C-alpha atoms as a PDB file:
ATOM      1  CA  UNK A   1      45.763   2.466  19.683  1.00  0.00           C
ATOM      2  CA  UNK A   2      43.596   5.533  19.536  1.00  0.00           C
ATOM      3  CA  UNK A   3      42.680   4.757  15.901  1.00  0.00           C
ATOM      4  CA  UNK A   4      41.628   1.235  16.849  1.00  0.00           C
ATOM      5  CA  UNK A   5      39.447   2.533  19.667  1.00  0.00           C
ATOM      6  CA  UNK A   6      37.871   5.057  17.316  1.00  0.00           C
ATOM      7  CA  UNK A   7      37.103   2.354  14.774  1.00  0.00           C
ATOM      8  CA  UNK A   8      35.509   0.232  17.470  1.00  0.00           C
ATOM      9  CA  UNK A   9      33.410   3.195  18.521  1.00  0.00           C
ATOM     10  CA  UNK A  10      32.280   3.678  14.940  1.00  0.00           C
ATOM     11  CA  UNK A  11      31.393   0.010  14.615  1.00  0.00           C
ATOM     12  CA  UNK A  12      28.977   0.415  17.509  1.00  0.00           C
ATOM     13  CA  UNK A  13      26.836   2.544  15.197  1.00  0.00           C
ATOM     14  CA  UNK A  14      26.040  -0.392  12.907  1.00  0.00           C
ATOM     15  CA  UNK A  15      24.161  -2.542  15.493  1.00  0.00           C
ATOM     16  CA  UNK A  16      22.184   0.511  16.536  1.00  0.00           C
ATOM     17  CA  UNK A  17      20.961   1.056  12.973  1.00  0.00           C
ATOM     18  CA  UNK A  18      20.440  -2.621  12.127  1.00  0.00           C
ATOM     19  CA  UNK A  19      18.665  -3.731  15.327  1.00  0.00           C
ATOM     20  CA  UNK A  20      17.400  -0.881  17.509  1.00  0.00           C
ATOM     21  CA  UNK A  21      15.978   1.354  14.778  1.00  0.00           C
ATOM     22  CA  UNK A  22      13.970  -1.301  12.854  1.00  0.00           C
ATOM     23  CA  UNK A  23      12.626  -3.065  15.957  1.00  0.00           C
ATOM     24  CA  UNK A  24      11.483   0.222  17.489  1.00  0.00           C
ATOM     25  CA  UNK A  25       9.667   1.199  14.305  1.00  0.00           C
ATOM     26  CA  UNK A  26       8.200  -2.311  13.948  1.00  0.00           C
ATOM     27  CA  UNK A  27       6.630  -2.235  17.402  1.00  0.00           C
ATOM     28  CA  UNK A  28       5.257   1.298  17.124  1.00  0.00           C
ATOM     29  CA  UNK A  29       4.430   1.532  13.425  1.00  0.00           C
ATOM     30  CA  UNK A  30       2.959  -1.936  13.126  1.00  0.00           C
ATOM     31  CA  UNK A  31       0.525  -1.286  15.982  1.00  0.00           C
ATOM     32  CA  UNK A  32      -0.848   1.952  14.500  1.00  0.00           C
ATOM     33  CA  UNK A  33      -3.578   0.265  12.418  1.00  0.00           C
ATOM     34  CA  UNK A  34      -3.098  -3.391  13.299  1.00  0.00           C
ATOM     35  CA  UNK A  35      -4.521  -2.901  16.790  1.00  0.00           C
ATOM     36  CA  UNK A  36      -7.583  -1.248  15.242  1.00  0.00           C
ATOM     37  CA  UNK A  37      -8.079  -4.289  13.020  1.00  0.00           C
ATOM     38  CA  UNK A  38      -7.599  -6.718  15.906  1.00  0.00           C
ATOM     39  CA  UNK A  39     -10.004  -4.906  18.249  1.00  0.00           C
ATOM     40  CA  UNK A  40     -12.637  -4.514  15.475  1.00  0.00           C
ATOM     41  CA  UNK A  41     -12.580  -0.728  15.890  1.00  0.00           C
ATOM     42  CA  UNK A  42     -11.248   0.158  12.440  1.00  0.00           C
ATOM     43  CA  UNK A  43     -14.803   0.576  11.128  1.00  0.00           C
ATOM     44  CA  UNK A  44     -15.479   3.233  13.789  1.00  0.00           C
ATOM     45  CA  UNK A  45     -12.355   5.096  12.698  1.00  0.00           C
ATOM     46  CA  UNK A  46     -13.281   5.148   9.004  1.00  0.00           C
ATOM     47  CA  UNK A  47     -16.875   6.223   9.791  1.00  0.00           C
ATOM     48  CA  UNK A  48     -15.678   9.565  11.116  1.00  0.00           C
ATOM     49  CA  UNK A  49     -16.247  12.569   8.832  1.00  0.00           C
ATOM     50  CA  UNK A  50     -12.597  12.832   7.793  1.00  0.00           C
ATOM     51  CA  UNK A  51     -10.885  11.615   4.662  1.00  0.00           C
ATOM     52  CA  UNK A  52      -9.055   8.304   4.520  1.00  0.00           C
ATOM     53  CA  UNK A  53      -5.920  10.184   3.454  1.00  0.00           C
ATOM     54  CA  UNK A  54      -6.021  12.165   6.694  1.00  0.00           C
ATOM     55  CA  UNK A  55      -6.420   8.978   8.739  1.00  0.00           C
ATOM     56  CA  UNK A  56      -3.466   7.291   7.033  1.00  0.00           C
ATOM     57  CA  UNK A  57      -1.353  10.451   7.292  1.00  0.00           C
ATOM     58  CA  UNK A  58      -2.142  10.930  10.976  1.00  0.00           C
ATOM     59  CA  UNK A  59      -1.361   7.310  11.844  1.00  0.00           C
ATOM     60  CA  UNK A  60       1.922   7.417   9.913  1.00  0.00           C
ATOM     61  CA  UNK A  61       2.912  10.793  11.379  1.00  0.00           C
ATOM     62  CA  UNK A  62       2.212   9.617  14.936  1.00  0.00           C
ATOM     63  CA  UNK A  63       4.212   6.415  14.459  1.00  0.00           C
ATOM     64  CA  UNK A  64       7.095   8.331  12.901  1.00  0.00           C
ATOM     65  CA  UNK A  65       7.114  10.925  15.665  1.00  0.00           C
ATOM     66  CA  UNK A  66       7.212   8.443  18.532  1.00  0.00           C
ATOM     67  CA  UNK A  67       9.812   6.172  16.906  1.00  0.00           C
ATOM     68  CA  UNK A  68      12.017   9.127  15.984  1.00  0.00           C
ATOM     69  CA  UNK A  69      11.829  10.396  19.574  1.00  0.00           C
ATOM     70  CA  UNK A  70      12.983   7.053  20.936  1.00  0.00           C
ATOM     71  CA  UNK A  71      15.678   6.824  18.275  1.00  0.00           C
ATOM     72  CA  UNK A  72      17.004  10.247  19.289  1.00  0.00           C
ATOM     73  CA  UNK A  73      17.357   9.006  22.860  1.00  0.00           C
ATOM     74  CA  UNK A  74      19.340   6.023  21.585  1.00  0.00           C
ATOM     75  CA  UNK A  75      21.440   8.236  19.313  1.00  0.00           C
ATOM     76  CA  UNK A  76      22.305  10.471  22.269  1.00  0.00           C
ATOM     77  CA  UNK A  77      23.367   7.493  24.359  1.00  0.00           C
ATOM     78  CA  UNK A  78      25.435   6.140  21.479  1.00  0.00           C
ATOM     79  CA  UNK A  79      27.131   9.507  20.973  1.00  0.00           C
ATOM     80  CA  UNK A  80      28.005   9.691  24.654  1.00  0.00           C
ATOM     81  CA  UNK A  81      29.558   6.246  24.335  1.00  0.00           C
ATOM     82  CA  UNK A  82      31.554   7.437  21.348  1.00  0.00           C
ATOM     83  CA  UNK A  83      32.790  10.373  23.417  1.00  0.00           C
ATOM     84  CA  UNK A  84      34.454   7.930  25.795  1.00  0.00           C
ATOM     85  CA  UNK A  85      36.601   6.377  23.059  1.00  0.00           C
ATOM     86  CA  UNK A  86      37.192   9.449  20.886  1.00  0.00           C
ATOM     87  CA  UNK A  87      36.599  12.504  23.039  1.00  0.00           C
ATOM     88  CA  UNK A  88      34.328  14.171  20.440  1.00  0.00           C
ATOM     89  CA  UNK A  89      30.577  14.821  20.677  1.00  0.00           C
ATOM     90  CA  UNK A  90      30.183  16.348  17.215  1.00  0.00           C
ATOM     91  CA  UNK A  91      29.012  13.004  15.807  1.00  0.00           C
ATOM     92  CA  UNK A  92      25.586  13.357  17.496  1.00  0.00           C
ATOM     93  CA  UNK A  93      23.839  15.377  14.709  1.00  0.00           C
ATOM     94  CA  UNK A  94      24.843  12.923  11.989  1.00  0.00           C
ATOM     95  CA  UNK A  95      23.784   9.855  13.966  1.00  0.00           C
ATOM     96  CA  UNK A  96      20.516  11.509  14.974  1.00  0.00           C
ATOM     97  CA  UNK A  97      19.722  12.500  11.377  1.00  0.00           C
ATOM     98  CA  UNK A  98      20.427   9.030  10.005  1.00  0.00           C
ATOM     99  CA  UNK A  99      18.438   7.341  12.766  1.00  0.00           C
ATOM    100  CA  UNK A 100      15.496   9.694  12.173  1.00  0.00           C
ATOM    101  CA  UNK A 101      15.450   8.919   8.449  1.00  0.00           C
ATOM    102  CA  UNK A 102      15.624   5.189   9.173  1.00  0.00           C
ATOM    103  CA  UNK A 103      12.748   5.367  11.667  1.00  0.00           C
ATOM    104  CA  UNK A 104      10.580   7.314   9.246  1.00  0.00           C
ATOM    105  CA  UNK A 105      11.267   4.789   6.479  1.00  0.00           C
ATOM    106  CA  UNK A 106      10.455   1.815   8.688  1.00  0.00           C
ATOM    107  CA  UNK A 107       7.404   3.429  10.291  1.00  0.00           C
ATOM    108  CA  UNK A 108       5.781   4.222   6.940  1.00  0.00           C
ATOM    109  CA  UNK A 109       6.339   0.659   5.724  1.00  0.00           C
ATOM    110  CA  UNK A 110       5.159  -1.011   8.933  1.00  0.00           C
ATOM    111  CA  UNK A 111       2.027   1.138   9.262  1.00  0.00           C
ATOM    112  CA  UNK A 112       1.051  -0.023   5.779  1.00  0.00           C
ATOM    113  CA  UNK A 113       1.963  -3.612   6.669  1.00  0.00           C
ATOM    114  CA  UNK A 114      -0.215  -3.484   9.783  1.00  0.00           C
ATOM    115  CA  UNK A 115      -3.164  -2.375   7.664  1.00  0.00           C
ATOM    116  CA  UNK A 116      -2.721  -5.244   5.202  1.00  0.00           C
ATOM    117  CA  UNK A 117      -2.000  -8.285   7.392  1.00  0.00           C
ATOM    118  CA  UNK A 118      -2.562  -9.217  11.014  1.00  0.00           C
ATOM    119  CA  UNK A 119       0.786 -10.987  11.536  1.00  0.00           C
ATOM    120  CA  UNK A 120       2.849  -7.883  10.951  1.00  0.00           C
ATOM    121  CA  UNK A 121       5.370  -8.732  13.715  1.00  0.00           C
ATOM    122  CA  UNK A 122       6.407 -12.029  12.155  1.00  0.00           C
ATOM    123  CA  UNK A 123       6.597 -10.607   8.638  1.00  0.00           C
ATOM    124  CA  UNK A 124       8.522  -7.571   9.880  1.00  0.00           C
ATOM    125  CA  UNK A 125      11.036  -9.743  11.721  1.00  0.00           C
ATOM    126  CA  UNK A 126      11.544 -11.896   8.625  1.00  0.00           C
ATOM    127  CA  UNK A 127      12.148  -8.767   6.559  1.00  0.00           C
ATOM    128  CA  UNK A 128      14.557  -7.209   9.053  1.00  0.00           C
ATOM    129  CA  UNK A 129      16.496 -10.327  10.005  1.00  0.00           C
ATOM    130  CA  UNK A 130      16.517 -12.250   6.744  1.00  0.00           C
ATOM    131  CA  UNK A 131      16.100  -9.817   3.850  1.00  0.00           C
ATOM    132  CA  UNK A 132      18.164  -6.968   5.279  1.00  0.00           C
ATOM    133  CA  UNK A 133      20.829  -8.919   7.152  1.00  0.00           C
ATOM    134  CA  UNK A 134      21.209 -12.093   5.101  1.00  0.00           C
ATOM    135  CA  UNK A 135      20.054 -11.403   1.562  1.00  0.00           C
ATOM    136  CA  UNK A 136      21.664  -7.968   1.298  1.00  0.00           C
ATOM    137  CA  UNK A 137      24.936  -9.293   2.725  1.00  0.00           C
ATOM    138  CA  UNK A 138      25.018 -11.888  -0.049  1.00  0.00           C
ATOM    139  CA  UNK A 139      23.816  -9.453  -2.738  1.00  0.00           C
ATOM    140  CA  UNK A 140      25.295  -5.999  -2.048  1.00  0.00           C
ATOM    141  CA  UNK A 141      23.666  -4.602  -5.196  1.00  0.00           C
ATOM    142  CA  UNK A 142      20.238  -4.701  -3.552  1.00  0.00           C
ATOM    143  CA  UNK A 143      21.408  -2.697  -0.544  1.00  0.00           C
ATOM    144  CA  UNK A 144      18.832  -0.023  -1.366  1.00  0.00           C
ATOM    145  CA  UNK A 145      16.142  -2.462  -0.117  1.00  0.00           C
ATOM    146  CA  UNK A 146      17.584  -2.130   3.374  1.00  0.00           C
ATOM    147  CA  UNK A 147      16.019   0.827   5.167  1.00  0.00           C
ATOM    148  CA  UNK A 148      18.614   1.053   7.924  1.00  0.00           C
ATOM    149  CA  UNK A 149      21.450   1.096   5.372  1.00  0.00           C
ATOM    150  CA  UNK A 150      19.842   4.140   3.748  1.00  0.00           C
ATOM    151  CA  UNK A 151      19.869   5.931   7.105  1.00  0.00           C
ATOM    152  CA  UNK A 152      23.436   4.809   7.811  1.00  0.00           C
ATOM    153  CA  UNK A 153      24.543   6.137   4.412  1.00  0.00           C
ATOM    154  CA  UNK A 154      23.148   9.538   5.401  1.00  0.00           C
ATOM    155  CA  UNK A 155      25.029   9.363   8.709  1.00  0.00           C
ATOM    156  CA  UNK A 156      28.314   8.603   6.918  1.00  0.00           C
ATOM    157  CA  UNK A 157      27.753  11.531   4.564  1.00  0.00           C
ATOM    158  CA  UNK A 158      26.978  13.952   7.405  1.00  0.00           C
ATOM    159  CA  UNK A 159      29.674  12.683   9.780  1.00  0.00           C
ATOM    160  CA  UNK A 160      32.423  15.117  10.807  1.00  0.00           C
ATOM    161  CA  UNK A 161      35.945  14.907   9.466  1.00  0.00           C
ATOM    162  CA  UNK A 162      37.374  13.032  12.447  1.00  0.00           C
ATOM    163  CA  UNK A 163      34.764  10.245  12.247  1.00  0.00           C
ATOM    164  CA  UNK A 164      36.285   7.006  10.824  1.00  0.00           C
ATOM    165  CA  UNK A 165      33.655   6.383   8.151  1.00  0.00           C
ATOM    166  CA  UNK A 166      35.852   3.747   6.506  1.00  0.00           C
ATOM    167  CA  UNK A 167      34.878   1.341   9.293  1.00  0.00           C
ATOM    168  CA  UNK A 168      31.228   1.551   8.177  1.00  0.00           C
ATOM    169  CA  UNK A 169      31.548   1.639   4.389  1.00  0.00           C
ATOM    170  CA  UNK A 170      31.511  -2.139   4.135  1.00  0.00           C
ATOM    171  CA  UNK A 171      28.135  -2.399   5.877  1.00  0.00           C
ATOM    172  CA  UNK A 172      26.159  -0.285   3.383  1.00  0.00           C
ATOM    173  CA  UNK A 173      26.959  -2.447   0.341  1.00  0.00           C
ATOM    174  CA  UNK A 174      26.884  -0.620  -2.960  1.00  0.00           C
ATOM    175  CA  UNK A 175      25.073   2.408  -1.556  1.00  0.00           C
ATOM    176  CA  UNK A 176      26.738   5.764  -2.055  1.00  0.00           C
ATOM    177  CA  UNK A 177      26.877   7.826   1.174  1.00  0.00           C
ATOM    178  CA  UNK A 178      24.499  10.667   0.370  1.00  0.00           C
ATOM    179  CA  UNK A 179      22.152  12.497   2.703  1.00  0.00           C
ATOM    180  CA  UNK A 180      20.161  14.001  -0.177  1.00  0.00           C
ATOM    181  CA  UNK A 181      19.530  10.574  -1.725  1.00  0.00           C
ATOM    182  CA  UNK A 182      18.423   9.217   1.637  1.00  0.00           C
ATOM    183  CA  UNK A 183      16.063  12.154   2.113  1.00  0.00           C
ATOM    184  CA  UNK A 184      14.591  11.646  -1.352  1.00  0.00           C
ATOM    185  CA  UNK A 185      14.092   7.925  -0.759  1.00  0.00           C
ATOM    186  CA  UNK A 186      12.442   8.644   2.578  1.00  0.00           C
ATOM    187  CA  UNK A 187      10.039  11.185   1.087  1.00  0.00           C
ATOM    188  CA  UNK A 188       9.070   8.891  -1.798  1.00  0.00           C
ATOM    189  CA  UNK A 189       8.535   5.914   0.522  1.00  0.00           C
ATOM    190  CA  UNK A 190       6.321   7.881   2.913  1.00  0.00           C
ATOM    191  CA  UNK A 191       4.176   9.349   0.124  1.00  0.00           C
ATOM    192  CA  UNK A 192       3.650   6.005  -1.603  1.00  0.00           C
ATOM    193  CA  UNK A 193       2.927   4.174   1.663  1.00  0.00           C
ATOM    194  CA  UNK A 194       0.382   6.776   2.809  1.00  0.00           C
ATOM    195  CA  UNK A 195      -1.417   6.762  -0.556  1.00  0.00           C
ATOM    196  CA  UNK A 196      -1.636   2.958  -0.647  1.00  0.00           C
ATOM    197  CA  UNK A 197      -2.838   2.886   2.951  1.00  0.00           C
ATOM    198  CA  UNK A 198      -5.586   5.435   2.233  1.00  0.00           C
ATOM    199  CA  UNK A 199      -6.761   3.446  -0.806  1.00  0.00           C
ATOM    200  CA  UNK A 200      -6.945   0.275   1.286  1.00  0.00           C
ATOM    201  CA  UNK A 201      -8.961   2.112   3.929  1.00  0.00           C
ATOM    202  CA  UNK A 202     -11.447   3.211   1.255  1.00  0.00           C
ATOM    203  CA  UNK A 203     -11.779  -0.366   0.027  1.00  0.00           C
ATOM    204  CA  UNK A 204     -12.339  -1.574   3.585  1.00  0.00           C
ATOM    205  CA  UNK A 205     -15.070   1.021   4.056  1.00  0.00           C
ATOM    206  CA  UNK A 206     -16.799   0.113   0.775  1.00  0.00           C
ATOM    207  CA  UNK A 207     -16.691  -3.619   1.518  1.00  0.00           C
ATOM    208  CA  UNK A 208     -18.218  -3.088   4.940  1.00  0.00           C
ATOM    209  CA  UNK A 209     -20.971  -0.894   3.502  1.00  0.00           C
ATOM    210  CA  UNK A 210     -21.826  -3.561   0.908  1.00  0.00           C
ATOM    211  CA  UNK A 211     -22.000  -6.156   3.654  1.00  0.00           C
ATOM    212  CA  UNK A 212     -24.387  -4.022   5.704  1.00  0.00           C
ATOM    213  CA  UNK A 213     -26.684  -2.861   2.897  1.00  0.00           C
ATOM    214  CA  UNK A 214     -28.534  -6.141   2.000  1.00  0.00           C
ATOM    215  CA  UNK A 215     -29.855  -6.547   5.535  1.00  0.00           C
ATOM    216  CA  UNK A 216     -31.507  -3.133   5.455  1.00  0.00           C
ATOM    217  CA  UNK A 217     -32.328  -2.240   1.872  1.00  0.00           C
ATOM    218  CA  UNK A 218     -32.957  -5.588   0.194  1.00  0.00           C
ATOM    219  CA  UNK A 219     -36.507  -5.333  -1.243  1.00  0.00           C
ATOM    220  CA  UNK A 220     -37.046  -9.099  -1.624  1.00  0.00           C
ATOM    221  CA  UNK A 221     -36.760  -9.627   2.097  1.00  0.00           C
ATOM    222  CA  UNK A 222     -39.129  -6.753   2.818  1.00  0.00           C
ATOM    223  CA  UNK A 223     -41.740  -8.170   0.439  1.00  0.00           C
ATOM    224  CA  UNK A 224     -41.348 -11.662   1.930  1.00  0.00           C
ATOM    225  CA  UNK A 225     -41.782 -10.353   5.467  1.00  0.00           C
ATOM    226  CA  UNK A 226     -44.941  -8.461   4.453  1.00  0.00           C
ATOM    227  CA  UNK A 227     -46.393 -11.525   2.730  1.00  0.00           C
ATOM    228  CA  UNK A 228     -45.625 -13.804   5.642  1.00  0.00           C
ATOM    229  CA  UNK A 229     -47.160 -11.451   8.223  1.00  0.00           C
ATOM    230  CA  UNK A 230     -50.335 -10.837   6.177  1.00  0.00           C
ATOM    231  CA  UNK A 231     -51.020 -14.366   4.850  1.00  0.00           C
ATOM    232  CA  UNK A 232     -53.208 -16.802   6.862  1.00  0.00           C
ATOM    233  CA  UNK A 233     -51.528 -19.717   8.633  1.00  0.00           C
ATOM    234  CA  UNK A 234     -52.796 -23.281   8.320  1.00  0.00           C
ATOM    235  CA  UNK A 235     -53.985 -25.154  11.390  1.00  0.00           C
ATOM    236  CA  UNK A 236     -51.353 -27.287  13.060  1.00  0.00           C
ATOM    237  CA  UNK A 237     -53.892 -29.308  14.974  1.00  0.00           C
ATOM    238  CA  UNK A 238     -57.443 -29.361  16.230  1.00  0.00           C
ATOM    239  CA  UNK A 239     -58.237 -26.203  18.044  1.00  0.00           C
ATOM    240  CA  UNK A 240     -54.724 -24.796  17.630  1.00  0.00           C
ATOM    241  CA  UNK A 241     -53.219 -22.191  15.357  1.00  0.00           C
ATOM    242  CA  UNK A 242     -49.656 -22.282  13.987  1.00  0.00           C
ATOM    243  CA  UNK A 243     -49.242 -18.511  14.104  1.00  0.00           C
ATOM    244  CA  UNK A 244     -49.650 -15.958  16.843  1.00  0.00           C
ATOM    245  CA  UNK A 245     -52.502 -14.216  15.041  1.00  0.00           C
ATOM    246  CA  UNK A 246     -54.419 -17.340  14.069  1.00  0.00           C
ATOM    247  CA  UNK A 247     -56.504 -18.029  10.971  1.00  0.00           C
ATOM    248  CA  UNK A 248     -59.177 -15.412  10.076  1.00  0.00           C
ATOM    249  CA  UNK A 249     -61.856 -18.133   9.845  1.00  0.00           C
ATOM    250  CA  UNK A 250     -60.917 -19.378  13.282  1.00  0.00           C
ATOM    251  CA  UNK A 251     -61.281 -15.881  14.713  1.00  0.00           C
ATOM    252  CA  UNK A 252     -64.735 -15.475  13.148  1.00  0.00           C
ATOM    253  CA  UNK A 253     -65.900 -18.778  14.609  1.00  0.00           C
ATOM    254  CA  UNK A 254     -64.660 -17.782  18.026  1.00  0.00           C
ATOM    255  CA  UNK A 255     -66.596 -14.522  17.901  1.00  0.00           C
ATOM    256  CA  UNK A 256     -69.804 -16.246  16.859  1.00  0.00           C
END
């Protein structure tokens, strides 16, 4: 009976990784740059005298930090629940490490997604609910596309000896439980996402500058304005002038 209770306690880890971790990162990471785009304040951010790489890195780091903090609270609560059924608290470090890696993976992806599209919530939900929970279940070979399975694989690898990891092996597909592989995948994902995000910020800045430049530096408009202000206007009627300055001949007649 104790083994069954322990297995049930281990199975509680899977919903935490598949639902709580991705939704937390989606809400926090997706809003990092998407809110700037929605409020039309992204141009003020990119006009500051700092590099686009620093902006993308700071946004990603902030989203990762907040989501990891919330995930640690959830991991602590989950570990306390596991204590009730098993009597051991030593599973907390492994769950916390896996949840942190999962949050960092999701946050980096969703910060980039929020910079690309405005409907990041809908696209993120489709990815989490359909791709990770339906497609991967049907095709276990593409389990590496699931971010929460990468974090769960790290948790299984770091779990203590008494933790029934066999109850969770079926949920990670063809992934091999390895904390080092999960750390490498997390590092590569964050670096690539930050670089792509910084490049997109540069393109946004250049497009906005090209849109602003013709209204200020276009020489044809300047020449046309000078010609129109200096050329005489024809009469629009007897005793009336079509322009505010009037025709030069009309002014001379008025003086005489």
